[in-house]
Amino acid sequence: MSMPLLMIRRTRGTPRLGGQSMSGERAPTIEDVATAAHVSRSTVSRVINHDPRVSFAVWEAVTRAIQELAYIPDPSAQALARRRGAAPGAEPDAGPV
């Protein structure tokens, strides 16, 4: 049985600036999602990245927590973690000199 894809989208009501919403409250983190779903941060990451090793029950709990908290992964953090893409202020690799 294949699991439905986790769809995470930004909503108009929750714009973010520097990890905070426009109302000034702290944006939820992957740690908040893990705590709410009673799993580790690694498990939340596996769900977000569609790792097939996650059971449906765990996937469901994490997805529910993501939706309840309105969690949106930070693209800059994802790029840094994957070491792909340019971090803000970083210069692209010029290659061998």
N, C-alpha and C. Protein backbone atom coordinates (compact mmCIF):
# COMPACT_ATOMS: atom_id res chain seq x y z
N MET A 1 0.85 -1.17 0.00
CA MET A 1 0.00 0.00 0.00
C MET A 1 0.90 1.23 0.00
N SER A 2 0.64 2.18 -0.90
CA SER A 2 1.47 3.37 -0.94
C SER A 2 0.85 4.47 -0.07
N MET A 3 1.73 5.23 0.57
CA MET A 3 1.27 6.30 1.44
C MET A 3 1.01 7.54 0.61
N PRO A 4 -0.02 8.31 0.97
CA PRO A 4 -0.23 9.57 0.27
C PRO A 4 0.92 10.51 0.53
N LEU A 5 1.22 11.36 -0.43
CA LEU A 5 2.32 12.31 -0.26
C LEU A 5 1.94 13.39 0.73
N LEU A 6 2.88 13.80 1.53
CA LEU A 6 2.68 14.87 2.48
C LEU A 6 2.77 16.18 1.71
N MET A 7 1.72 16.93 1.73
CA MET A 7 1.71 18.20 1.03
C MET A 7 1.80 19.32 2.06
N ILE A 8 2.84 20.11 1.97
CA ILE A 8 3.03 21.23 2.87
C ILE A 8 2.99 22.49 2.02
N ARG A 9 2.10 23.39 2.38
CA ARG A 9 2.01 24.61 1.59
C ARG A 9 1.94 25.81 2.51
N ARG A 10 2.40 26.90 2.01
CA ARG A 10 2.36 28.15 2.76
C ARG A 10 0.97 28.77 2.58
N THR A 11 0.38 29.22 3.67
CA THR A 11 -0.92 29.87 3.59
C THR A 11 -0.74 31.38 3.70
N ARG A 12 -1.68 32.11 3.18
CA ARG A 12 -1.58 33.56 3.21
C ARG A 12 -1.58 34.12 4.63
N GLY A 13 -2.25 33.46 5.55
CA GLY A 13 -2.39 33.98 6.90
C GLY A 13 -1.16 33.84 7.78
N THR A 14 -0.11 33.15 7.30
CA THR A 14 1.05 32.93 8.16
C THR A 14 2.37 33.28 7.48
N PRO A 15 2.52 34.55 7.04
CA PRO A 15 3.82 34.91 6.46
C PRO A 15 4.88 34.90 7.54
N ARG A 16 6.13 34.62 7.16
CA ARG A 16 7.20 34.54 8.15
C ARG A 16 8.32 35.51 7.83
N LEU A 17 8.88 36.02 8.89
CA LEU A 17 10.07 36.86 8.78
C LEU A 17 11.04 36.40 9.84
N GLY A 18 12.15 35.85 9.45
CA GLY A 18 13.18 35.45 10.41
C GLY A 18 12.70 34.49 11.47
N GLY A 19 11.87 33.52 11.11
CA GLY A 19 11.42 32.53 12.06
C GLY A 19 10.23 32.96 12.90
N GLN A 20 9.64 34.11 12.57
CA GLN A 20 8.49 34.58 13.32
C GLN A 20 7.36 34.90 12.36
N SER A 21 6.13 34.79 12.85
CA SER A 21 4.99 35.20 12.04
C SER A 21 4.86 36.71 12.13
N MET A 22 4.03 37.28 11.30
CA MET A 22 3.84 38.73 11.31
C MET A 22 3.28 39.20 12.64
N SER A 23 2.56 38.34 13.36
CA SER A 23 2.00 38.73 14.65
C SER A 23 3.06 38.71 15.76
N GLY A 24 4.28 38.27 15.44
CA GLY A 24 5.36 38.28 16.41
C GLY A 24 5.55 36.98 17.16
N GLU A 25 4.65 36.02 16.98
CA GLU A 25 4.81 34.76 17.69
C GLU A 25 5.84 33.88 16.98
N ARG A 26 6.49 33.03 17.75
CA ARG A 26 7.54 32.16 17.20
C ARG A 26 6.93 31.12 16.28
N ALA A 27 7.55 30.94 15.14
CA ALA A 27 7.11 29.92 14.19
C ALA A 27 7.45 28.54 14.73
N PRO A 28 6.60 27.54 14.49
CA PRO A 28 6.90 26.20 15.00
C PRO A 28 8.15 25.62 14.33
N THR A 29 8.89 24.84 15.09
CA THR A 29 10.11 24.22 14.59
C THR A 29 9.90 22.71 14.44
N ILE A 30 10.88 22.06 13.84
CA ILE A 30 10.82 20.60 13.69
C ILE A 30 10.79 19.95 15.08
N GLU A 31 11.44 20.58 16.05
CA GLU A 31 11.42 20.08 17.43
C GLU A 31 10.00 20.14 18.00
N ASP A 32 9.26 21.20 17.71
CA ASP A 32 7.87 21.32 18.16
C ASP A 32 7.00 20.22 17.56
N VAL A 33 7.21 19.94 16.29
CA VAL A 33 6.45 18.88 15.62
C VAL A 33 6.78 17.52 16.25
N ALA A 34 8.07 17.28 16.48
CA ALA A 34 8.49 16.01 17.09
C ALA A 34 7.87 15.83 18.47
N THR A 35 7.86 16.89 19.26
CA THR A 35 7.27 16.81 20.60
C THR A 35 5.77 16.53 20.51
N ALA A 36 5.08 17.22 19.63
CA ALA A 36 3.63 17.05 19.49
C ALA A 36 3.27 15.65 19.00
N ALA A 37 4.11 15.07 18.14
CA ALA A 37 3.83 13.75 17.57
C ALA A 37 4.45 12.62 18.41
N HIS A 38 5.21 12.96 19.45
CA HIS A 38 5.88 11.98 20.32
C HIS A 38 6.86 11.10 19.53
N VAL A 39 7.65 11.76 18.68
CA VAL A 39 8.68 11.07 17.90
C VAL A 39 9.96 11.92 17.94
N SER A 40 11.02 11.44 17.32
CA SER A 40 12.27 12.18 17.28
C SER A 40 12.26 13.17 16.10
N ARG A 41 13.20 14.12 16.15
CA ARG A 41 13.35 15.06 15.03
C ARG A 41 13.70 14.31 13.76
N SER A 42 14.49 13.25 13.89
CA SER A 42 14.86 12.46 12.70
C SER A 42 13.63 11.84 12.04
N THR A 43 12.70 11.39 12.85
CA THR A 43 11.48 10.79 12.31
C THR A 43 10.66 11.84 11.58
N VAL A 44 10.57 13.04 12.14
CA VAL A 44 9.85 14.12 11.45
C VAL A 44 10.52 14.40 10.11
N SER A 45 11.83 14.46 10.10
CA SER A 45 12.58 14.68 8.86
C SER A 45 12.30 13.57 7.85
N ARG A 46 12.25 12.34 8.31
CA ARG A 46 11.97 11.22 7.40
C ARG A 46 10.58 11.34 6.79
N VAL A 47 9.61 11.78 7.58
CA VAL A 47 8.25 11.96 7.05
C VAL A 47 8.26 13.06 6.00
N ILE A 48 8.89 14.20 6.31
CA ILE A 48 8.93 15.33 5.38
C ILE A 48 9.61 14.93 4.07
N ASN A 49 10.65 14.10 4.17
CA ASN A 49 11.42 13.70 2.99
C ASN A 49 10.93 12.40 2.35
N HIS A 50 9.75 11.93 2.77
CA HIS A 50 9.10 10.75 2.18
C HIS A 50 9.95 9.48 2.26
N ASP A 51 10.60 9.27 3.40
CA ASP A 51 11.40 8.06 3.60
C ASP A 51 10.46 6.86 3.73
N PRO A 52 10.68 5.80 2.96
CA PRO A 52 9.78 4.65 3.00
C PRO A 52 9.86 3.83 4.29
N ARG A 53 10.84 4.10 5.15
CA ARG A 53 10.98 3.33 6.38
C ARG A 53 10.01 3.76 7.48
N VAL A 54 9.21 4.79 7.24
CA VAL A 54 8.28 5.30 8.25
C VAL A 54 6.95 4.55 8.14
N SER A 55 6.47 4.04 9.26
CA SER A 55 5.20 3.31 9.25
C SER A 55 4.06 4.29 9.03
N PHE A 56 2.93 3.75 8.57
CA PHE A 56 1.78 4.61 8.29
C PHE A 56 1.28 5.29 9.56
N ALA A 57 1.27 4.59 10.69
CA ALA A 57 0.79 5.18 11.94
C ALA A 57 1.66 6.37 12.36
N VAL A 58 2.96 6.23 12.23
CA VAL A 58 3.88 7.32 12.58
C VAL A 58 3.71 8.46 11.58
N TRP A 59 3.64 8.13 10.30
CA TRP A 59 3.44 9.14 9.27
C TRP A 59 2.18 9.96 9.56
N GLU A 60 1.12 9.27 9.95
CA GLU A 60 -0.15 9.92 10.24
C GLU A 60 -0.02 10.87 11.45
N ALA A 61 0.65 10.43 12.52
CA ALA A 61 0.83 11.25 13.72
C ALA A 61 1.65 12.50 13.41
N VAL A 62 2.72 12.33 12.65
CA VAL A 62 3.58 13.47 12.31
C VAL A 62 2.84 14.43 11.38
N THR A 63 2.14 13.92 10.40
CA THR A 63 1.38 14.76 9.48
C THR A 63 0.32 15.56 10.23
N ARG A 64 -0.35 14.93 11.17
CA ARG A 64 -1.36 15.62 11.98
C ARG A 64 -0.71 16.76 12.77
N ALA A 65 0.45 16.49 13.39
CA ALA A 65 1.15 17.52 14.16
C ALA A 65 1.59 18.67 13.26
N ILE A 66 2.07 18.36 12.07
CA ILE A 66 2.49 19.39 11.12
C ILE A 66 1.31 20.30 10.77
N GLN A 67 0.16 19.70 10.53
CA GLN A 67 -1.02 20.48 10.17
C GLN A 67 -1.53 21.29 11.35
N GLU A 68 -1.57 20.71 12.54
CA GLU A 68 -2.07 21.42 13.71
C GLU A 68 -1.18 22.60 14.09
N LEU A 69 0.13 22.44 13.92
CA LEU A 69 1.06 23.51 14.27
C LEU A 69 1.30 24.49 13.12
N ALA A 70 0.79 24.15 11.93
CA ALA A 70 1.02 24.96 10.72
C ALA A 70 2.53 25.10 10.46
N TYR A 71 3.24 23.98 10.61
CA TYR A 71 4.69 23.96 10.42
C TYR A 71 5.03 24.06 8.94
N ILE A 72 5.98 24.93 8.63
CA ILE A 72 6.47 25.07 7.26
C ILE A 72 7.98 24.93 7.31
N PRO A 73 8.55 23.92 6.62
CA PRO A 73 10.01 23.77 6.63
C PRO A 73 10.70 25.01 6.07
N ASP A 74 11.83 25.36 6.64
CA ASP A 74 12.60 26.52 6.21
C ASP A 74 13.51 26.10 5.05
N PRO A 75 13.28 26.64 3.84
CA PRO A 75 14.10 26.25 2.68
C PRO A 75 15.59 26.54 2.87
N SER A 76 15.93 27.61 3.56
CA SER A 76 17.34 27.93 3.80
C SER A 76 17.99 26.85 4.66
N ALA A 77 17.28 26.41 5.68
CA ALA A 77 17.81 25.36 6.55
C ALA A 77 17.95 24.05 5.78
N GLN A 78 17.00 23.76 4.92
CA GLN A 78 17.07 22.53 4.13
C GLN A 78 18.27 22.57 3.18
N ALA A 79 18.52 23.71 2.55
CA ALA A 79 19.66 23.84 1.65
C ALA A 79 20.97 23.67 2.40
N LEU A 80 21.05 24.26 3.59
CA LEU A 80 22.27 24.11 4.39
C LEU A 80 22.48 22.66 4.82
N ALA A 81 21.41 22.00 5.22
CA ALA A 81 21.51 20.62 5.66
C ALA A 81 21.94 19.70 4.53
N ARG A 82 21.47 19.98 3.34
CA ARG A 82 21.81 19.16 2.17
C ARG A 82 23.10 19.61 1.52
N ARG A 83 23.60 20.77 1.97
CA ARG A 83 24.81 21.37 1.39
C ARG A 83 24.65 21.61 -0.10
N ARG A 84 23.43 21.96 -0.46
CA ARG A 84 23.12 22.29 -1.84
C ARG A 84 22.59 23.71 -1.88
N GLY A 85 22.75 24.33 -3.00
CA GLY A 85 22.22 25.68 -3.13
C GLY A 85 23.09 26.64 -2.35
N ALA A 86 22.90 27.88 -2.61
CA ALA A 86 23.70 28.89 -1.93
C ALA A 86 22.99 29.36 -0.68
N ALA A 87 23.71 29.37 0.41
CA ALA A 87 23.18 29.97 1.63
C ALA A 87 23.21 31.48 1.43
N PRO A 88 22.34 32.20 2.11
CA PRO A 88 22.35 33.65 1.96
C PRO A 88 23.73 34.22 2.24
N GLY A 89 24.26 34.99 1.30
CA GLY A 89 25.56 35.60 1.46
C GLY A 89 26.73 34.73 1.02
N ALA A 90 26.46 33.49 0.64
CA ALA A 90 27.55 32.60 0.22
C ALA A 90 27.83 32.79 -1.26
N GLU A 91 29.09 32.64 -1.63
CA GLU A 91 29.45 32.75 -3.04
C GLU A 91 29.46 31.36 -3.66
N PRO A 92 29.03 31.25 -4.92
CA PRO A 92 29.05 29.94 -5.57
C PRO A 92 30.48 29.45 -5.76
N ASP A 93 30.65 28.15 -5.78
CA ASP A 93 31.96 27.54 -5.96
C ASP A 93 32.46 27.81 -7.37
N ALA A 94 33.67 28.34 -7.48
CA ALA A 94 34.23 28.67 -8.78
C ALA A 94 34.85 27.45 -9.45
N GLY A 95 34.94 26.34 -8.75
CA GLY A 95 35.53 25.13 -9.31
C GLY A 95 37.03 25.12 -9.14
N PRO A 96 37.73 24.17 -9.77
CA PRO A 96 39.18 24.07 -9.63
C PRO A 96 39.88 25.29 -10.21
N VAL A 97 40.93 25.69 -9.55
CA VAL A 97 41.66 26.89 -10.00
C VAL A 97 42.96 26.48 -10.62
